[in-house]
Amino acid sequence: KVMGRFDEAVVCCKRQLDLSRELDDKLSEGRALYNLGNVYHSKGKHIGRVGHKDAGEFSDEVKASLNKAVDYYEENLMLMKDLGDIAAQGRACGNLGNTYYLLGNFAQAIKYHEERLSIARQFGDKAAERRAHSNLGNSHIFMGQFEEAAHHYKYAKEKASFSILSL
């Protein structure tokens, strides 16, 4: 994935998915689904960089990759809910929010980033809280909800300041 060899990465991740399902290893299955989501998300972002467009204004090829990422992330999220892995649910929600943002579906992005924020608060994960607030601010901007965006950016800044002071 890092080298831009997305098709090879997909083959490896699908093999991991097949093996984990054959072994009925739900944790490995979840990792494979998450990895597939990451590969398609990265592929979509990589292809989409060519024109540097705004969120949602991408070619059909980019949108297809991002939609595949959504499918794998959602399947991962459902499995993590079944397994009761709340931390993994938070990561999946964050990735779903980011992917929906790129697709221009800001309402869905907000839904998942709010869920991510809630989970981050449960765990006291200040860095994840900061990222969720920042991502929520970005999505609210595109929806024209500037006061709500400012609210989230304020919290993101506070969380960032807290992180720096904690070092």
C-alpha atoms as a PDB file:
ATOM      1  CA  LYS A   1       0.000   0.000   0.000  1.00  0.00           C
ATOM      2  CA  VAL A   2       2.775   2.420   0.943  1.00  0.00           C
ATOM      3  CA  MET A   3       4.472   1.809  -2.392  1.00  0.00           C
ATOM      4  CA  GLY A   4       1.292   2.449  -4.367  1.00  0.00           C
ATOM      5  CA  ARG A   5       0.893  -1.216  -5.306  1.00  0.00           C
ATOM      6  CA  PHE A   6      -2.756  -1.281  -4.350  1.00  0.00           C
ATOM      7  CA  ASP A   7      -3.835  -4.237  -6.472  1.00  0.00           C
ATOM      8  CA  GLU A   8      -1.164  -6.444  -4.887  1.00  0.00           C
ATOM      9  CA  ALA A   9      -2.178  -5.237  -1.438  1.00  0.00           C
ATOM     10  CA  VAL A  10      -5.815  -6.123  -2.177  1.00  0.00           C
ATOM     11  CA  VAL A  11      -4.799  -9.651  -3.207  1.00  0.00           C
ATOM     12  CA  CYS A  12      -2.841 -10.127   0.037  1.00  0.00           C
ATOM     13  CA  CYS A  13      -5.640  -8.738   2.201  1.00  0.00           C
ATOM     14  CA  LYS A  14      -8.266 -10.871   0.467  1.00  0.00           C
ATOM     15  CA  ARG A  15      -6.091 -13.930   1.054  1.00  0.00           C
ATOM     16  CA  GLN A  16      -5.876 -12.950   4.735  1.00  0.00           C
ATOM     17  CA  LEU A  17      -9.667 -12.587   4.779  1.00  0.00           C
ATOM     18  CA  ASP A  18     -10.204 -15.988   3.156  1.00  0.00           C
ATOM     19  CA  LEU A  19      -7.817 -17.736   5.552  1.00  0.00           C
ATOM     20  CA  SER A  20      -9.306 -16.096   8.621  1.00  0.00           C
ATOM     21  CA  ARG A  21     -12.789 -17.154   7.536  1.00  0.00           C
ATOM     22  CA  GLU A  22     -11.623 -20.719   6.853  1.00  0.00           C
ATOM     23  CA  LEU A  23     -10.158 -20.823  10.371  1.00  0.00           C
ATOM     24  CA  ASP A  24     -13.181 -19.032  11.842  1.00  0.00           C
ATOM     25  CA  ASP A  25     -10.767 -16.490  13.354  1.00  0.00           C
ATOM     26  CA  LYS A  26     -12.996 -13.450  13.859  1.00  0.00           C
ATOM     27  CA  LEU A  27     -10.207 -11.186  15.093  1.00  0.00           C
ATOM     28  CA  SER A  28      -8.081 -11.861  11.999  1.00  0.00           C
ATOM     29  CA  GLU A  29     -11.166 -11.462   9.837  1.00  0.00           C
ATOM     30  CA  GLY A  30     -11.725  -8.043  11.376  1.00  0.00           C
ATOM     31  CA  ARG A  31      -8.125  -7.053  10.714  1.00  0.00           C
ATOM     32  CA  ALA A  32      -8.395  -8.189   7.099  1.00  0.00           C
ATOM     33  CA  LEU A  33     -11.598  -6.190   6.576  1.00  0.00           C
ATOM     34  CA  TYR A  34      -9.991  -3.145   8.174  1.00  0.00           C
ATOM     35  CA  ASN A  35      -6.866  -3.564   6.028  1.00  0.00           C
ATOM     36  CA  LEU A  36      -8.960  -3.868   2.858  1.00  0.00           C
ATOM     37  CA  GLY A  37     -10.777  -0.683   3.810  1.00  0.00           C
ATOM     38  CA  ASN A  38      -7.440   1.049   4.320  1.00  0.00           C
ATOM     39  CA  VAL A  39      -6.093  -0.113   0.959  1.00  0.00           C
ATOM     40  CA  TYR A  40      -9.154   1.102  -0.957  1.00  0.00           C
ATOM     41  CA  HIS A  41      -9.217   4.362   1.032  1.00  0.00           C
ATOM     42  CA  SER A  42      -5.537   4.966   0.240  1.00  0.00           C
ATOM     43  CA  LYS A  43      -6.031   4.019  -3.395  1.00  0.00           C
ATOM     44  CA  GLY A  44      -8.910   6.475  -3.728  1.00  0.00           C
ATOM     45  CA  LYS A  45      -6.906   9.261  -2.101  1.00  0.00           C
ATOM     46  CA  HIS A  46      -3.860   8.459  -4.248  1.00  0.00           C
ATOM     47  CA  ILE A  47      -5.796   8.507  -7.520  1.00  0.00           C
ATOM     48  CA  GLY A  48      -7.743  11.580  -6.423  1.00  0.00           C
ATOM     49  CA  ARG A  49      -4.602  13.625  -5.756  1.00  0.00           C
ATOM     50  CA  VAL A  50      -4.059  14.136  -9.465  1.00  0.00           C
ATOM     51  CA  GLY A  51      -6.561  16.985  -9.717  1.00  0.00           C
ATOM     52  CA  HIS A  52      -6.622  18.183  -6.082  1.00  0.00           C
ATOM     53  CA  LYS A  53     -10.376  18.610  -6.025  1.00  0.00           C
ATOM     54  CA  ASP A  54     -12.697  19.426  -3.145  1.00  0.00           C
ATOM     55  CA  ALA A  55     -14.299  16.622  -1.161  1.00  0.00           C
ATOM     56  CA  GLY A  56     -16.898  14.794  -3.230  1.00  0.00           C
ATOM     57  CA  GLU A  57     -15.596  16.095  -6.578  1.00  0.00           C
ATOM     58  CA  PHE A  58     -13.704  13.053  -7.769  1.00  0.00           C
ATOM     59  CA  SER A  59     -13.727  10.750 -10.773  1.00  0.00           C
ATOM     60  CA  ASP A  60     -15.876   7.630 -10.821  1.00  0.00           C
ATOM     61  CA  GLU A  61     -12.742   5.520 -10.290  1.00  0.00           C
ATOM     62  CA  VAL A  62     -11.899   7.394  -7.085  1.00  0.00           C
ATOM     63  CA  LYS A  63     -15.476   7.175  -5.846  1.00  0.00           C
ATOM     64  CA  ALA A  64     -15.554   3.435  -6.589  1.00  0.00           C
ATOM     65  CA  SER A  65     -12.426   2.877  -4.480  1.00  0.00           C
ATOM     66  CA  LEU A  66     -13.788   4.994  -1.646  1.00  0.00           C
ATOM     67  CA  ASN A  67     -17.141   3.183  -1.756  1.00  0.00           C
ATOM     68  CA  LYS A  68     -15.320  -0.157  -1.517  1.00  0.00           C
ATOM     69  CA  ALA A  69     -13.468   1.216   1.503  1.00  0.00           C
ATOM     70  CA  VAL A  70     -16.827   2.109   3.065  1.00  0.00           C
ATOM     71  CA  ASP A  71     -18.113  -1.420   2.449  1.00  0.00           C
ATOM     72  CA  TYR A  72     -15.112  -3.026   4.142  1.00  0.00           C
ATOM     73  CA  TYR A  73     -15.070  -0.545   7.035  1.00  0.00           C
ATOM     74  CA  GLU A  74     -18.791  -1.089   7.651  1.00  0.00           C
ATOM     75  CA  GLU A  75     -18.344  -4.859   7.612  1.00  0.00           C
ATOM     76  CA  ASN A  76     -15.427  -4.451  10.036  1.00  0.00           C
ATOM     77  CA  LEU A  77     -17.548  -2.224  12.285  1.00  0.00           C
ATOM     78  CA  MET A  78     -20.376  -4.769  12.421  1.00  0.00           C
ATOM     79  CA  LEU A  79     -17.944  -7.555  13.288  1.00  0.00           C
ATOM     80  CA  MET A  80     -16.247  -5.459  15.981  1.00  0.00           C
ATOM     81  CA  LYS A  81     -19.659  -4.713  17.494  1.00  0.00           C
ATOM     82  CA  ASP A  82     -20.383  -8.457  17.554  1.00  0.00           C
ATOM     83  CA  LEU A  83     -17.022  -9.058  19.256  1.00  0.00           C
ATOM     84  CA  GLY A  84     -17.521  -6.168  21.684  1.00  0.00           C
ATOM     85  CA  ASP A  85     -14.235  -4.503  20.690  1.00  0.00           C
ATOM     86  CA  ILE A  86     -15.107  -0.876  21.385  1.00  0.00           C
ATOM     87  CA  ALA A  87     -11.634   0.501  20.595  1.00  0.00           C
ATOM     88  CA  ALA A  88     -11.732  -1.111  17.141  1.00  0.00           C
ATOM     89  CA  GLN A  89     -15.244   0.262  16.651  1.00  0.00           C
ATOM     90  CA  GLY A  90     -13.848   3.733  17.289  1.00  0.00           C
ATOM     91  CA  ARG A  91     -11.142   3.295  14.672  1.00  0.00           C
ATOM     92  CA  ALA A  92     -13.668   2.007  12.147  1.00  0.00           C
ATOM     93  CA  CYS A  93     -15.977   4.951  12.840  1.00  0.00           C
ATOM     94  CA  GLY A  94     -13.127   7.409  12.352  1.00  0.00           C
ATOM     95  CA  ASN A  95     -12.204   5.824   9.036  1.00  0.00           C
ATOM     96  CA  LEU A  96     -15.831   5.720   7.907  1.00  0.00           C
ATOM     97  CA  GLY A  97     -16.174   9.397   8.775  1.00  0.00           C
ATOM     98  CA  ASN A  98     -13.044  10.276   6.811  1.00  0.00           C
ATOM     99  CA  THR A  99     -14.140   8.237   3.806  1.00  0.00           C
ATOM    100  CA  TYR A 100     -17.655   9.673   3.749  1.00  0.00           C
ATOM    101  CA  TYR A 101     -16.085  13.132   3.986  1.00  0.00           C
ATOM    102  CA  LEU A 102     -14.009  12.446   0.866  1.00  0.00           C
ATOM    103  CA  LEU A 103     -17.142  11.197  -0.888  1.00  0.00           C
ATOM    104  CA  GLY A 104     -18.884  14.472  -0.044  1.00  0.00           C
ATOM    105  CA  ASN A 105     -21.451  12.802   2.217  1.00  0.00           C
ATOM    106  CA  PHE A 106     -20.939  15.186   5.109  1.00  0.00           C
ATOM    107  CA  ALA A 107     -24.019  14.118   7.089  1.00  0.00           C
ATOM    108  CA  GLN A 108     -22.709  10.540   7.235  1.00  0.00           C
ATOM    109  CA  ALA A 109     -19.217  11.817   8.017  1.00  0.00           C
ATOM    110  CA  ILE A 110     -20.625  13.754  10.974  1.00  0.00           C
ATOM    111  CA  LYS A 111     -22.564  10.720  12.193  1.00  0.00           C
ATOM    112  CA  TYR A 112     -19.460   8.544  12.285  1.00  0.00           C
ATOM    113  CA  HIS A 113     -17.142  11.224  13.673  1.00  0.00           C
ATOM    114  CA  GLU A 114     -19.622  11.857  16.497  1.00  0.00           C
ATOM    115  CA  GLU A 115     -19.589   8.146  17.267  1.00  0.00           C
ATOM    116  CA  ARG A 116     -15.780   8.201  17.139  1.00  0.00           C
ATOM    117  CA  LEU A 117     -15.745  11.159  19.528  1.00  0.00           C
ATOM    118  CA  SER A 118     -18.024   9.356  21.970  1.00  0.00           C
ATOM    119  CA  ILE A 119     -15.802   6.277  21.991  1.00  0.00           C
ATOM    120  CA  ALA A 120     -12.637   8.373  22.361  1.00  0.00           C
ATOM    121  CA  ARG A 121     -14.175  10.063  25.405  1.00  0.00           C
ATOM    122  CA  GLN A 122     -15.003   6.644  26.901  1.00  0.00           C
ATOM    123  CA  PHE A 123     -11.341   5.689  26.688  1.00  0.00           C
ATOM    124  CA  GLY A 124      -9.946   9.103  27.623  1.00  0.00           C
ATOM    125  CA  ASP A 125      -8.108   9.149  24.286  1.00  0.00           C
ATOM    126  CA  LYS A 126      -7.353  12.877  23.947  1.00  0.00           C
ATOM    127  CA  ALA A 127      -5.581  12.520  20.588  1.00  0.00           C
ATOM    128  CA  ALA A 128      -8.586  10.712  19.084  1.00  0.00           C
ATOM    129  CA  GLU A 129     -10.908  13.332  20.610  1.00  0.00           C
ATOM    130  CA  ARG A 130      -8.855  16.081  18.962  1.00  0.00           C
ATOM    131  CA  ARG A 131      -8.958  14.362  15.583  1.00  0.00           C
ATOM    132  CA  ALA A 132     -12.699  13.745  15.862  1.00  0.00           C
ATOM    133  CA  HIS A 133     -13.374  17.396  16.745  1.00  0.00           C
ATOM    134  CA  SER A 134     -11.200  18.575  13.861  1.00  0.00           C
ATOM    135  CA  ASN A 135     -12.929  16.206  11.428  1.00  0.00           C
ATOM    136  CA  LEU A 136     -16.342  17.296  12.705  1.00  0.00           C
ATOM    137  CA  GLY A 137     -15.340  20.919  12.151  1.00  0.00           C
ATOM    138  CA  ASN A 138     -14.300  20.159   8.575  1.00  0.00           C
ATOM    139  CA  SER A 139     -17.592  18.408   7.811  1.00  0.00           C
ATOM    140  CA  HIS A 140     -19.698  21.165   9.373  1.00  0.00           C
ATOM    141  CA  ILE A 141     -17.865  23.759   7.247  1.00  0.00           C
ATOM    142  CA  PHE A 142     -18.953  21.988   4.053  1.00  0.00           C
ATOM    143  CA  MET A 143     -22.528  21.884   5.341  1.00  0.00           C
ATOM    144  CA  GLY A 144     -22.458  25.637   5.980  1.00  0.00           C
ATOM    145  CA  GLN A 145     -22.774  25.122   9.743  1.00  0.00           C
ATOM    146  CA  PHE A 146     -20.046  27.572  10.666  1.00  0.00           C
ATOM    147  CA  GLU A 147     -20.857  28.051  14.359  1.00  0.00           C
ATOM    148  CA  GLU A 148     -20.886  24.298  14.922  1.00  0.00           C
ATOM    149  CA  ALA A 149     -17.592  24.026  13.015  1.00  0.00           C
ATOM    150  CA  ALA A 150     -16.048  26.766  15.171  1.00  0.00           C
ATOM    151  CA  HIS A 151     -17.211  24.928  18.294  1.00  0.00           C
ATOM    152  CA  HIS A 152     -15.412  21.754  17.186  1.00  0.00           C
ATOM    153  CA  TYR A 153     -12.273  23.597  16.088  1.00  0.00           C
ATOM    154  CA  LYS A 154     -12.147  25.270  19.510  1.00  0.00           C
ATOM    155  CA  TYR A 155     -12.255  21.882  21.231  1.00  0.00           C
ATOM    156  CA  ALA A 156      -9.667  20.466  18.827  1.00  0.00           C
ATOM    157  CA  LYS A 157      -7.346  23.344  19.683  1.00  0.00           C
ATOM    158  CA  GLU A 158      -7.898  22.811  23.411  1.00  0.00           C
ATOM    159  CA  LYS A 159      -7.151  19.088  23.082  1.00  0.00           C
ATOM    160  CA  ALA A 160      -4.005  19.880  21.076  1.00  0.00           C
ATOM    161  CA  SER A 161      -2.871  22.395  23.702  1.00  0.00           C
ATOM    162  CA  PHE A 162      -3.536  19.827  26.429  1.00  0.00           C
ATOM    163  CA  SER A 163      -1.445  17.258  24.536  1.00  0.00           C
ATOM    164  CA  ILE A 164       1.470  19.669  24.229  1.00  0.00           C
ATOM    165  CA  LEU A 165       1.292  20.598  27.912  1.00  0.00           C
ATOM    166  CA  SER A 166       1.221  16.903  28.861  1.00  0.00           C
ATOM    167  CA  LEU A 167       4.577  16.242  27.236  1.00  0.00           C
END
